Amino acid sequence: MKIGIIGAGNIGSAVAELFTQADHEVVISNSRGPQTLDDLVEKLGDNASAGTVEQARDFGDVVVVTIPLKAITALPANGWENKVVIDTNNYYPDRDGKIADLDSGATTSSELLENQLPGARIVKGFNTIWSEHLKTQGDKDLPLDERRAIFIAGDDSGAKETVAKLIEDIGYAAIDTGFLAEGGKSQQPGSPVYNKELTAAEAAKVLTAGA
């Protein structure tokens, strides 16, 4: 599969490495330009190249947006129709500034991204796992129930199926927490699943207990 990645920080670099190792093709971008990613792309190998944000968006059947919430307004406003977009972000007021609708629970950070990217099929994912764990805890030899859980949420079932398959490709198990609104809230910082080392079987029990 062709995957565009917007953001080359801890999570962006980690998913780029995992996806290329799983034989997916990646174009990775950041706000500073492709030339700043030469060392990373060399490390990632033949399945990876660097591009602009627009090139990563256009390349990907799936696009991973992994930038601070406060930066999403700088994303291009068009070209997202039918793109499956994985939103890895969390709302951190100290970093992003206070956002009243998020503080009140009126919306979620993924719904804000959805408003910024018309036509995109948003799936929340990779936001509850520390990047160092993401690099090391996947195991494709384990049955799904015994793999580390990565939680997803979204309103488009087909998009979630696509993301779940990618998660399985890198040795994890996808656990669906529901639609973007309630699912996003159940995955946010401070929730029972945030940054917890849970297998898929354990995660299902935690979500059931919190329902």
N, C-alpha and C. Protein backbone atom coordinates (compact mmCIF):
# COMPACT_ATOMS: atom_id res chain seq x y z
N MET A 1 0.84 -1.19 0.00
CA MET A 1 0.00 0.00 0.00
C MET A 1 0.88 1.25 0.00
N LYS A 2 0.38 2.32 -0.58
CA LYS A 2 1.08 3.59 -0.58
C LYS A 2 0.60 4.43 0.60
N ILE A 3 1.56 4.89 1.40
CA ILE A 3 1.24 5.61 2.63
C ILE A 3 1.98 6.94 2.65
N GLY A 4 1.25 8.03 2.79
CA GLY A 4 1.85 9.33 3.00
C GLY A 4 1.89 9.63 4.49
N ILE A 5 2.96 10.25 4.93
CA ILE A 5 3.10 10.59 6.35
C ILE A 5 3.42 12.07 6.45
N ILE A 6 2.58 12.79 7.17
CA ILE A 6 2.77 14.22 7.39
C ILE A 6 3.18 14.42 8.85
N GLY A 7 4.45 14.71 9.04
CA GLY A 7 5.03 14.80 10.37
C GLY A 7 6.09 13.73 10.55
N ALA A 8 7.29 14.15 10.90
CA ALA A 8 8.41 13.22 11.00
C ALA A 8 9.00 13.20 12.41
N GLY A 9 8.14 13.44 13.40
CA GLY A 9 8.58 13.36 14.79
C GLY A 9 8.64 11.92 15.26
N ASN A 10 8.45 11.72 16.56
CA ASN A 10 8.62 10.39 17.13
C ASN A 10 7.66 9.36 16.54
N ILE A 11 6.37 9.70 16.47
CA ILE A 11 5.40 8.75 15.93
C ILE A 11 5.55 8.64 14.42
N GLY A 12 5.70 9.77 13.72
CA GLY A 12 5.84 9.73 12.28
C GLY A 12 7.01 8.88 11.83
N SER A 13 8.16 9.06 12.49
CA SER A 13 9.35 8.27 12.14
C SER A 13 9.15 6.79 12.46
N ALA A 14 8.48 6.52 13.58
CA ALA A 14 8.26 5.13 13.98
C ALA A 14 7.34 4.41 13.01
N VAL A 15 6.23 5.03 12.63
CA VAL A 15 5.32 4.34 11.71
C VAL A 15 5.95 4.21 10.33
N ALA A 16 6.75 5.19 9.93
CA ALA A 16 7.44 5.09 8.65
C ALA A 16 8.34 3.86 8.62
N GLU A 17 9.07 3.66 9.69
CA GLU A 17 9.97 2.49 9.75
C GLU A 17 9.18 1.18 9.76
N LEU A 18 8.11 1.13 10.54
CA LEU A 18 7.33 -0.10 10.63
C LEU A 18 6.63 -0.41 9.31
N PHE A 19 6.07 0.59 8.67
CA PHE A 19 5.37 0.35 7.40
C PHE A 19 6.33 -0.07 6.30
N THR A 20 7.50 0.55 6.23
CA THR A 20 8.46 0.15 5.19
C THR A 20 8.96 -1.26 5.45
N GLN A 21 9.16 -1.62 6.70
CA GLN A 21 9.58 -2.99 7.02
C GLN A 21 8.51 -4.01 6.64
N ALA A 22 7.25 -3.57 6.62
CA ALA A 22 6.15 -4.45 6.22
C ALA A 22 5.87 -4.37 4.72
N ASP A 23 6.82 -3.82 3.97
CA ASP A 23 6.77 -3.77 2.49
C ASP A 23 5.73 -2.80 1.94
N HIS A 24 5.34 -1.82 2.72
CA HIS A 24 4.53 -0.73 2.20
C HIS A 24 5.45 0.40 1.72
N GLU A 25 4.97 1.19 0.78
CA GLU A 25 5.74 2.33 0.27
C GLU A 25 5.33 3.59 1.02
N VAL A 26 6.31 4.40 1.37
CA VAL A 26 6.07 5.57 2.21
C VAL A 26 6.69 6.81 1.57
N VAL A 27 5.93 7.92 1.57
CA VAL A 27 6.49 9.25 1.35
C VAL A 27 6.26 10.03 2.64
N ILE A 28 7.34 10.50 3.24
CA ILE A 28 7.26 11.20 4.51
C ILE A 28 7.59 12.67 4.32
N SER A 29 6.92 13.52 5.07
CA SER A 29 7.10 14.96 4.93
C SER A 29 7.11 15.63 6.29
N ASN A 30 7.59 16.86 6.30
CA ASN A 30 7.49 17.69 7.50
C ASN A 30 7.35 19.14 7.07
N SER A 31 7.32 20.04 8.03
CA SER A 31 7.10 21.45 7.71
C SER A 31 8.36 22.15 7.24
N ARG A 32 9.51 21.48 7.33
CA ARG A 32 10.78 22.12 7.01
C ARG A 32 11.30 21.77 5.62
N GLY A 33 10.66 20.82 4.95
CA GLY A 33 11.06 20.50 3.59
C GLY A 33 11.75 19.15 3.46
N PRO A 34 11.63 18.52 2.29
CA PRO A 34 12.15 17.16 2.09
C PRO A 34 13.64 17.03 2.34
N GLN A 35 14.40 18.09 2.06
CA GLN A 35 15.86 18.01 2.20
C GLN A 35 16.28 17.75 3.64
N THR A 36 15.42 18.07 4.60
CA THR A 36 15.77 17.85 6.01
C THR A 36 15.55 16.40 6.43
N LEU A 37 15.02 15.59 5.53
CA LEU A 37 14.69 14.20 5.87
C LEU A 37 15.62 13.19 5.20
N ASP A 38 16.71 13.67 4.62
CA ASP A 38 17.60 12.77 3.88
C ASP A 38 18.13 11.63 4.76
N ASP A 39 18.56 11.95 5.96
CA ASP A 39 19.13 10.91 6.83
C ASP A 39 18.08 9.87 7.21
N LEU A 40 16.87 10.33 7.51
CA LEU A 40 15.80 9.41 7.87
C LEU A 40 15.46 8.50 6.70
N VAL A 41 15.32 9.07 5.51
CA VAL A 41 14.96 8.27 4.33
C VAL A 41 16.05 7.26 4.01
N GLU A 42 17.30 7.65 4.18
CA GLU A 42 18.39 6.70 3.94
C GLU A 42 18.31 5.52 4.91
N LYS A 43 17.97 5.82 6.15
CA LYS A 43 17.81 4.76 7.14
C LYS A 43 16.63 3.86 6.81
N LEU A 44 15.55 4.42 6.29
CA LEU A 44 14.35 3.64 6.02
C LEU A 44 14.51 2.72 4.81
N GLY A 45 15.35 3.09 3.87
CA GLY A 45 15.61 2.19 2.75
C GLY A 45 14.78 2.48 1.51
N ASP A 46 14.76 1.49 0.61
CA ASP A 46 14.22 1.69 -0.73
C ASP A 46 12.72 1.95 -0.77
N ASN A 47 12.00 1.56 0.26
CA ASN A 47 10.54 1.75 0.25
C ASN A 47 10.12 3.14 0.70
N ALA A 48 11.09 4.03 0.96
CA ALA A 48 10.76 5.35 1.51
C ALA A 48 11.38 6.45 0.68
N SER A 49 10.68 7.56 0.61
CA SER A 49 11.23 8.78 0.02
C SER A 49 10.63 9.97 0.77
N ALA A 50 11.24 11.12 0.60
CA ALA A 50 10.77 12.35 1.24
C ALA A 50 10.05 13.20 0.22
N GLY A 51 9.09 13.98 0.69
CA GLY A 51 8.36 14.88 -0.19
C GLY A 51 7.81 16.05 0.59
N THR A 52 7.11 16.90 -0.11
CA THR A 52 6.39 17.98 0.55
C THR A 52 5.12 17.42 1.19
N VAL A 53 4.47 18.23 2.00
CA VAL A 53 3.18 17.81 2.59
C VAL A 53 2.19 17.44 1.49
N GLU A 54 2.13 18.26 0.45
CA GLU A 54 1.19 17.98 -0.65
C GLU A 54 1.55 16.70 -1.38
N GLN A 55 2.84 16.43 -1.55
CA GLN A 55 3.26 15.20 -2.22
C GLN A 55 2.93 13.97 -1.39
N ALA A 56 3.11 14.07 -0.08
CA ALA A 56 2.74 12.95 0.79
C ALA A 56 1.24 12.70 0.75
N ARG A 57 0.47 13.77 0.78
CA ARG A 57 -0.99 13.64 0.68
C ARG A 57 -1.39 12.98 -0.63
N ASP A 58 -0.83 13.44 -1.73
CA ASP A 58 -1.23 12.93 -3.04
C ASP A 58 -0.76 11.49 -3.26
N PHE A 59 0.36 11.12 -2.69
CA PHE A 59 0.92 9.78 -2.86
C PHE A 59 0.11 8.72 -2.15
N GLY A 60 -0.37 9.04 -0.96
CA GLY A 60 -0.90 8.01 -0.09
C GLY A 60 -2.32 7.57 -0.41
N ASP A 61 -2.53 6.25 -0.46
CA ASP A 61 -3.88 5.72 -0.34
C ASP A 61 -4.37 5.95 1.09
N VAL A 62 -3.41 5.89 2.01
CA VAL A 62 -3.63 6.23 3.41
C VAL A 62 -2.63 7.33 3.76
N VAL A 63 -3.09 8.34 4.50
CA VAL A 63 -2.22 9.43 4.92
C VAL A 63 -2.23 9.51 6.44
N VAL A 64 -1.06 9.45 7.05
CA VAL A 64 -0.93 9.59 8.50
C VAL A 64 -0.63 11.05 8.81
N VAL A 65 -1.50 11.68 9.59
CA VAL A 65 -1.26 13.06 10.02
C VAL A 65 -0.82 13.00 11.47
N THR A 66 0.44 13.34 11.70
CA THR A 66 1.02 13.19 13.02
C THR A 66 1.80 14.46 13.37
N ILE A 67 1.03 15.54 13.53
CA ILE A 67 1.57 16.86 13.86
C ILE A 67 0.81 17.40 15.07
N PRO A 68 1.37 18.38 15.77
CA PRO A 68 0.63 18.95 16.91
C PRO A 68 -0.72 19.51 16.47
N LEU A 69 -1.70 19.39 17.36
CA LEU A 69 -3.04 19.87 17.06
C LEU A 69 -3.04 21.34 16.64
N LYS A 70 -2.20 22.14 17.28
CA LYS A 70 -2.18 23.57 16.96
C LYS A 70 -1.72 23.84 15.53
N ALA A 71 -1.12 22.84 14.86
CA ALA A 71 -0.59 23.03 13.51
C ALA A 71 -1.54 22.57 12.42
N ILE A 72 -2.70 22.02 12.77
CA ILE A 72 -3.54 21.43 11.72
C ILE A 72 -4.13 22.48 10.79
N THR A 73 -4.26 23.72 11.25
CA THR A 73 -4.82 24.76 10.38
C THR A 73 -3.88 25.11 9.24
N ALA A 74 -2.61 24.69 9.32
CA ALA A 74 -1.66 24.94 8.25
C ALA A 74 -1.71 23.87 7.15
N LEU A 75 -2.47 22.81 7.36
CA LEU A 75 -2.58 21.76 6.35
C LEU A 75 -3.35 22.28 5.14
N PRO A 76 -3.00 21.79 3.94
CA PRO A 76 -3.77 22.21 2.76
C PRO A 76 -5.23 21.83 2.91
N ALA A 77 -6.11 22.70 2.44
CA ALA A 77 -7.54 22.52 2.67
C ALA A 77 -8.22 21.68 1.60
N ASN A 78 -7.51 21.29 0.55
CA ASN A 78 -8.14 20.49 -0.49
C ASN A 78 -7.28 19.28 -0.83
N GLY A 79 -7.83 18.42 -1.67
CA GLY A 79 -7.09 17.24 -2.10
C GLY A 79 -7.26 16.03 -1.20
N TRP A 80 -8.23 16.06 -0.28
CA TRP A 80 -8.39 14.98 0.70
C TRP A 80 -9.55 14.04 0.37
N GLU A 81 -10.26 14.27 -0.71
CA GLU A 81 -11.46 13.49 -1.00
C GLU A 81 -11.15 12.00 -1.03
N ASN A 82 -11.87 11.24 -0.20
CA ASN A 82 -11.77 9.78 -0.12
C ASN A 82 -10.44 9.27 0.41
N LYS A 83 -9.57 10.16 0.87
CA LYS A 83 -8.34 9.71 1.49
C LYS A 83 -8.63 9.15 2.88
N VAL A 84 -8.09 7.98 3.19
CA VAL A 84 -8.12 7.47 4.56
C VAL A 84 -7.02 8.19 5.32
N VAL A 85 -7.40 8.93 6.35
CA VAL A 85 -6.44 9.73 7.12
C VAL A 85 -6.39 9.21 8.55
N ILE A 86 -5.21 8.80 8.97
CA ILE A 86 -5.01 8.37 10.35
C ILE A 86 -4.55 9.57 11.17
N ASP A 87 -5.32 9.90 12.19
CA ASP A 87 -5.00 11.02 13.08
C ASP A 87 -4.38 10.47 14.36
N THR A 88 -3.09 10.77 14.56
CA THR A 88 -2.40 10.24 15.74
C THR A 88 -2.37 11.23 16.90
N ASN A 89 -3.00 12.38 16.73
CA ASN A 89 -2.78 13.49 17.65
C ASN A 89 -3.59 13.38 18.94
N ASN A 90 -3.08 14.06 19.94
CA ASN A 90 -3.80 14.29 21.19
C ASN A 90 -3.82 15.78 21.49
N TYR A 91 -4.79 16.18 22.29
CA TYR A 91 -4.90 17.58 22.72
C TYR A 91 -4.15 17.76 24.03
N TYR A 92 -3.11 18.59 23.97
CA TYR A 92 -2.35 18.95 25.16
C TYR A 92 -2.43 20.47 25.31
N PRO A 93 -3.25 20.99 26.24
CA PRO A 93 -3.44 22.44 26.35
C PRO A 93 -2.15 23.22 26.55
N ASP A 94 -1.19 22.64 27.28
CA ASP A 94 0.06 23.36 27.51
C ASP A 94 0.83 23.58 26.21
N ARG A 95 0.66 22.67 25.27
CA ARG A 95 1.33 22.79 23.98
C ARG A 95 0.47 23.52 22.95
N ASP A 96 -0.81 23.16 22.92
CA ASP A 96 -1.69 23.60 21.84
C ASP A 96 -2.46 24.87 22.16
N GLY A 97 -2.45 25.29 23.43
CA GLY A 97 -3.30 26.39 23.85
C GLY A 97 -4.69 25.87 24.19
N LYS A 98 -5.39 26.61 25.00
CA LYS A 98 -6.73 26.20 25.42
C LYS A 98 -7.71 26.28 24.25
N ILE A 99 -8.49 25.20 24.07
CA ILE A 99 -9.53 25.17 23.04
C ILE A 99 -10.84 24.86 23.75
N ALA A 100 -11.73 25.85 23.80
CA ALA A 100 -12.92 25.77 24.64
C ALA A 100 -13.78 24.55 24.31
N ASP A 101 -13.99 24.27 23.03
CA ASP A 101 -14.86 23.15 22.65
C ASP A 101 -14.28 21.81 23.06
N LEU A 102 -12.96 21.71 23.15
CA LEU A 102 -12.35 20.48 23.63
C LEU A 102 -12.41 20.41 25.16
N ASP A 103 -12.19 21.54 25.80
CA ASP A 103 -12.25 21.55 27.27
C ASP A 103 -13.65 21.22 27.77
N SER A 104 -14.67 21.62 27.03
CA SER A 104 -16.05 21.36 27.46
C SER A 104 -16.54 19.98 27.05
N GLY A 105 -15.78 19.31 26.18
CA GLY A 105 -16.22 18.00 25.67
C GLY A 105 -17.20 18.10 24.52
N ALA A 106 -17.37 19.30 23.96
CA ALA A 106 -18.33 19.48 22.86
C ALA A 106 -17.88 18.78 21.60
N THR A 107 -16.57 18.61 21.44
CA THR A 107 -16.04 17.93 20.26
C THR A 107 -14.75 17.25 20.65
N THR A 108 -14.09 16.63 19.68
CA THR A 108 -12.82 15.95 19.91
C THR A 108 -11.78 16.50 18.94
N SER A 109 -10.52 16.23 19.23
CA SER A 109 -9.46 16.73 18.36
C SER A 109 -9.56 16.14 16.96
N SER A 110 -10.00 14.89 16.85
CA SER A 110 -10.13 14.28 15.52
C SER A 110 -11.26 14.92 14.72
N GLU A 111 -12.31 15.34 15.40
CA GLU A 111 -13.39 16.03 14.69
C GLU A 111 -12.94 17.41 14.22
N LEU A 112 -12.05 18.05 14.96
CA LEU A 112 -11.48 19.31 14.50
C LEU A 112 -10.67 19.07 13.22
N LEU A 113 -9.88 17.98 13.22
CA LEU A 113 -9.11 17.65 12.01
C LEU A 113 -10.05 17.34 10.85
N GLU A 114 -11.12 16.64 11.13
CA GLU A 114 -12.10 16.31 10.09
C GLU A 114 -12.64 17.58 9.44
N ASN A 115 -12.88 18.61 10.24
CA ASN A 115 -13.37 19.88 9.71
C ASN A 115 -12.33 20.57 8.84
N GLN A 116 -11.05 20.32 9.12
CA GLN A 116 -9.98 20.95 8.36
C GLN A 116 -9.72 20.26 7.02
N LEU A 117 -10.12 18.97 6.91
CA LEU A 117 -9.76 18.17 5.73
C LEU A 117 -11.03 17.66 5.05
N PRO A 118 -11.74 18.51 4.30
CA PRO A 118 -13.01 18.10 3.71
C PRO A 118 -12.86 16.88 2.81
N GLY A 119 -13.75 15.92 3.02
CA GLY A 119 -13.75 14.70 2.21
C GLY A 119 -12.89 13.59 2.74
N ALA A 120 -12.05 13.86 3.74
CA ALA A 120 -11.18 12.82 4.29
C ALA A 120 -11.98 11.85 5.15
N ARG A 121 -11.52 10.61 5.17
CA ARG A 121 -12.13 9.55 5.99
C ARG A 121 -11.24 9.35 7.21
N ILE A 122 -11.55 10.06 8.28
CA ILE A 122 -10.66 10.15 9.44
C ILE A 122 -10.79 8.91 10.33
N VAL A 123 -9.63 8.37 10.72
CA VAL A 123 -9.58 7.29 11.71
C VAL A 123 -8.58 7.71 12.78
N LYS A 124 -9.04 7.77 14.02
CA LYS A 124 -8.15 8.03 15.14
C LYS A 124 -7.32 6.78 15.39
N GLY A 125 -6.02 6.93 15.58
CA GLY A 125 -5.19 5.76 15.85
C GLY A 125 -3.76 6.15 16.20
N PHE A 126 -3.05 5.24 16.85
CA PHE A 126 -1.65 5.43 17.24
C PHE A 126 -1.46 6.56 18.25
N ASN A 127 -2.52 7.01 18.88
CA ASN A 127 -2.40 8.13 19.83
C ASN A 127 -2.35 7.67 21.28
N THR A 128 -2.50 6.37 21.52
CA THR A 128 -2.49 5.89 22.91
C THR A 128 -1.24 5.08 23.23
N ILE A 129 -0.27 5.07 22.33
CA ILE A 129 0.92 4.25 22.53
C ILE A 129 2.17 5.12 22.43
N TRP A 130 3.06 4.96 23.39
CA TRP A 130 4.35 5.66 23.41
C TRP A 130 5.17 5.23 22.20
N SER A 131 5.86 6.18 21.59
CA SER A 131 6.59 5.88 20.35
C SER A 131 7.65 4.80 20.56
N GLU A 132 8.29 4.77 21.72
CA GLU A 132 9.30 3.73 21.97
C GLU A 132 8.67 2.35 22.05
N HIS A 133 7.47 2.27 22.62
CA HIS A 133 6.75 0.99 22.62
C HIS A 133 6.31 0.62 21.22
N LEU A 134 5.87 1.61 20.46
CA LEU A 134 5.43 1.36 19.09
C LEU A 134 6.55 0.73 18.27
N LYS A 135 7.77 1.19 18.48
CA LYS A 135 8.92 0.67 17.73
C LYS A 135 9.21 -0.79 18.07
N THR A 136 8.90 -1.20 19.30
CA THR A 136 9.46 -2.47 19.79
C THR A 136 8.45 -3.55 20.17
N GLN A 137 7.18 -3.21 20.37
CA GLN A 137 6.27 -4.18 20.97
C GLN A 137 5.38 -4.91 19.97
N GLY A 138 5.51 -4.62 18.69
CA GLY A 138 4.75 -5.38 17.70
C GLY A 138 5.34 -6.77 17.51
N ASP A 139 4.48 -7.76 17.30
CA ASP A 139 4.93 -9.13 17.12
C ASP A 139 3.96 -9.87 16.20
N LYS A 140 4.36 -10.02 14.94
CA LYS A 140 3.49 -10.66 13.96
C LYS A 140 3.35 -12.16 14.18
N ASP A 141 4.18 -12.73 15.03
CA ASP A 141 4.09 -14.16 15.30
C ASP A 141 3.02 -14.51 16.34
N LEU A 142 2.52 -13.51 17.06
CA LEU A 142 1.50 -13.75 18.08
C LEU A 142 0.12 -13.77 17.46
N PRO A 143 -0.81 -14.56 18.03
CA PRO A 143 -2.21 -14.43 17.62
C PRO A 143 -2.73 -13.06 18.02
N LEU A 144 -3.77 -12.60 17.33
CA LEU A 144 -4.24 -11.23 17.54
C LEU A 144 -4.58 -10.93 18.99
N ASP A 145 -5.24 -11.86 19.68
CA ASP A 145 -5.66 -11.62 21.06
C ASP A 145 -4.49 -11.35 21.99
N GLU A 146 -3.30 -11.86 21.63
CA GLU A 146 -2.13 -11.72 22.49
C GLU A 146 -1.23 -10.56 22.09
N ARG A 147 -1.55 -9.88 21.01
CA ARG A 147 -0.74 -8.75 20.58
C ARG A 147 -1.09 -7.49 21.36
N ARG A 148 -0.14 -6.56 21.43
CA ARG A 148 -0.41 -5.24 22.02
C ARG A 148 -1.52 -4.57 21.22
N ALA A 149 -2.44 -3.97 21.92
CA ALA A 149 -3.58 -3.31 21.29
C ALA A 149 -3.22 -1.90 20.85
N ILE A 150 -3.68 -1.54 19.66
CA ILE A 150 -3.69 -0.15 19.20
C ILE A 150 -5.14 0.21 18.93
N PHE A 151 -5.61 1.28 19.55
CA PHE A 151 -7.03 1.63 19.50
C PHE A 151 -7.31 2.53 18.31
N ILE A 152 -8.48 2.30 17.69
CA ILE A 152 -8.91 3.12 16.56
C ILE A 152 -10.36 3.56 16.78
N ALA A 153 -10.71 4.66 16.14
CA ALA A 153 -12.10 5.14 16.17
C ALA A 153 -12.36 5.86 14.86
N GLY A 154 -13.60 5.83 14.40
CA GLY A 154 -13.94 6.51 13.17
C GLY A 154 -15.37 6.26 12.77
N ASP A 155 -15.86 7.07 11.84
CA ASP A 155 -17.24 6.98 11.38
C ASP A 155 -17.38 6.17 10.10
N ASP A 156 -16.25 5.83 9.47
CA ASP A 156 -16.25 5.13 8.18
C ASP A 156 -15.73 3.71 8.40
N SER A 157 -16.61 2.72 8.29
CA SER A 157 -16.21 1.35 8.62
C SER A 157 -15.15 0.83 7.65
N GLY A 158 -15.25 1.20 6.37
CA GLY A 158 -14.25 0.77 5.42
C GLY A 158 -12.88 1.33 5.72
N ALA A 159 -12.83 2.60 6.11
CA ALA A 159 -11.56 3.22 6.49
C ALA A 159 -10.97 2.53 7.71
N LYS A 160 -11.81 2.20 8.67
CA LYS A 160 -11.30 1.51 9.86
C LYS A 160 -10.76 0.13 9.52
N GLU A 161 -11.41 -0.56 8.60
CA GLU A 161 -10.90 -1.87 8.17
C GLU A 161 -9.52 -1.74 7.54
N THR A 162 -9.33 -0.71 6.72
CA THR A 162 -8.03 -0.48 6.09
C THR A 162 -6.95 -0.23 7.14
N VAL A 163 -7.26 0.62 8.11
CA VAL A 163 -6.29 0.95 9.15
C VAL A 163 -6.02 -0.27 10.04
N ALA A 164 -7.05 -1.02 10.34
CA ALA A 164 -6.86 -2.22 11.16
C ALA A 164 -5.91 -3.20 10.48
N LYS A 165 -6.04 -3.36 9.17
CA LYS A 165 -5.14 -4.26 8.43
C LYS A 165 -3.70 -3.75 8.51
N LEU A 166 -3.50 -2.46 8.37
CA LEU A 166 -2.15 -1.92 8.49
C LEU A 166 -1.57 -2.17 9.88
N ILE A 167 -2.40 -2.01 10.89
CA ILE A 167 -1.95 -2.25 12.27
C ILE A 167 -1.55 -3.72 12.44
N GLU A 168 -2.31 -4.62 11.87
CA GLU A 168 -1.96 -6.04 11.94
C GLU A 168 -0.67 -6.33 11.18
N ASP A 169 -0.47 -5.64 10.07
CA ASP A 169 0.74 -5.84 9.26
C ASP A 169 2.01 -5.55 10.04
N ILE A 170 1.94 -4.66 11.04
CA ILE A 170 3.14 -4.30 11.80
C ILE A 170 3.17 -4.98 13.17
N GLY A 171 2.31 -5.97 13.37
CA GLY A 171 2.44 -6.81 14.55
C GLY A 171 1.58 -6.44 15.74
N TYR A 172 0.59 -5.59 15.52
CA TYR A 172 -0.32 -5.19 16.60
C TYR A 172 -1.74 -5.65 16.29
N ALA A 173 -2.65 -5.42 17.22
CA ALA A 173 -4.05 -5.73 17.01
C ALA A 173 -4.86 -4.45 17.15
N ALA A 174 -5.74 -4.20 16.20
CA ALA A 174 -6.58 -3.01 16.24
C ALA A 174 -7.82 -3.28 17.08
N ILE A 175 -8.11 -2.38 17.98
CA ILE A 175 -9.31 -2.46 18.82
C ILE A 175 -10.17 -1.23 18.53
N ASP A 176 -11.38 -1.47 18.05
CA ASP A 176 -12.29 -0.41 17.63
C ASP A 176 -13.06 0.13 18.83
N THR A 177 -12.89 1.43 19.09
CA THR A 177 -13.59 2.05 20.22
C THR A 177 -14.86 2.78 19.80
N GLY A 178 -15.24 2.67 18.52
CA GLY A 178 -16.52 3.22 18.10
C GLY A 178 -16.38 4.38 17.13
N PHE A 179 -17.41 5.22 17.11
CA PHE A 179 -17.43 6.37 16.22
C PHE A 179 -16.41 7.43 16.67
N LEU A 180 -16.17 8.39 15.81
CA LEU A 180 -15.10 9.35 16.06
C LEU A 180 -15.34 10.15 17.34
N ALA A 181 -16.58 10.52 17.62
CA ALA A 181 -16.86 11.35 18.80
C ALA A 181 -16.63 10.58 20.09
N GLU A 182 -17.42 9.51 20.32
CA GLU A 182 -17.27 8.79 21.58
C GLU A 182 -15.98 7.99 21.63
N GLY A 183 -15.59 7.44 20.47
CA GLY A 183 -14.34 6.68 20.44
C GLY A 183 -13.13 7.55 20.70
N GLY A 184 -13.13 8.73 20.10
CA GLY A 184 -12.03 9.65 20.33
C GLY A 184 -11.91 10.04 21.79
N LYS A 185 -13.04 10.25 22.45
CA LYS A 185 -13.00 10.61 23.87
C LYS A 185 -12.46 9.47 24.71
N SER A 186 -12.77 8.23 24.33
CA SER A 186 -12.31 7.08 25.13
C SER A 186 -10.83 6.80 24.94
N GLN A 187 -10.19 7.47 23.94
CA GLN A 187 -8.77 7.26 23.69
C GLN A 187 -7.91 8.45 24.13
N GLN A 188 -8.52 9.49 24.67
CA GLN A 188 -7.75 10.70 24.94
C GLN A 188 -6.88 10.56 26.19
N PRO A 189 -5.90 11.44 26.38
CA PRO A 189 -5.06 11.38 27.57
C PRO A 189 -5.89 11.34 28.85
N GLY A 190 -5.47 10.46 29.75
CA GLY A 190 -6.19 10.28 31.00
C GLY A 190 -7.25 9.20 30.96
N SER A 191 -7.55 8.67 29.78
CA SER A 191 -8.56 7.60 29.67
C SER A 191 -7.95 6.28 30.13
N PRO A 192 -8.79 5.27 30.42
CA PRO A 192 -8.28 3.99 30.91
C PRO A 192 -7.36 3.25 29.94
N VAL A 193 -7.39 3.61 28.66
CA VAL A 193 -6.55 2.90 27.69
C VAL A 193 -5.33 3.72 27.26
N TYR A 194 -5.23 4.96 27.70
CA TYR A 194 -4.14 5.83 27.23
C TYR A 194 -2.80 5.38 27.79
N ASN A 195 -1.88 5.05 26.89
CA ASN A 195 -0.52 4.66 27.24
C ASN A 195 -0.48 3.46 28.19
N LYS A 196 -1.44 2.57 28.05
CA LYS A 196 -1.46 1.34 28.84
C LYS A 196 -1.02 0.16 27.96
N GLU A 197 -0.18 -0.70 28.53
CA GLU A 197 0.31 -1.87 27.79
C GLU A 197 -0.72 -2.99 27.93
N LEU A 198 -1.65 -3.03 26.99
CA LEU A 198 -2.76 -3.97 27.03
C LEU A 198 -2.72 -4.87 25.80
N THR A 199 -2.92 -6.16 26.00
CA THR A 199 -3.16 -7.01 24.85
C THR A 199 -4.56 -6.75 24.32
N ALA A 200 -4.84 -7.28 23.15
CA ALA A 200 -6.18 -7.10 22.58
C ALA A 200 -7.24 -7.68 23.50
N ALA A 201 -6.97 -8.85 24.08
CA ALA A 201 -7.93 -9.47 24.98
C ALA A 201 -8.15 -8.62 26.23
N GLU A 202 -7.07 -8.09 26.78
CA GLU A 202 -7.18 -7.24 27.97
C GLU A 202 -7.89 -5.93 27.64
N ALA A 203 -7.61 -5.38 26.47
CA ALA A 203 -8.21 -4.12 26.07
C ALA A 203 -9.72 -4.23 25.94
N ALA A 204 -10.17 -5.34 25.40
CA ALA A 204 -11.62 -5.54 25.26
C ALA A 204 -12.30 -5.53 26.63
N LYS A 205 -11.66 -6.12 27.63
CA LYS A 205 -12.22 -6.14 28.98
C LYS A 205 -12.24 -4.74 29.60
N VAL A 206 -11.17 -3.98 29.39
CA VAL A 206 -11.10 -2.62 29.93
C VAL A 206 -12.19 -1.74 29.34
N LEU A 207 -12.39 -1.86 28.03
CA LEU A 207 -13.42 -1.05 27.37
C LEU A 207 -14.80 -1.46 27.82
N THR A 208 -15.04 -2.75 28.00
CA THR A 208 -16.33 -3.22 28.47
C THR A 208 -16.62 -2.72 29.89
N ALA A 209 -15.58 -2.73 30.74
CA ALA A 209 -15.74 -2.29 32.12
C ALA A 209 -16.04 -0.80 32.19
N GLY A 210 -15.50 -0.03 31.22
CA GLY A 210 -15.70 1.42 31.23
C GLY A 210 -16.96 1.86 30.50
N ALA A 211 -17.65 0.91 29.88
CA ALA A 211 -18.84 1.27 29.08
C ALA A 211 -20.00 1.66 29.98
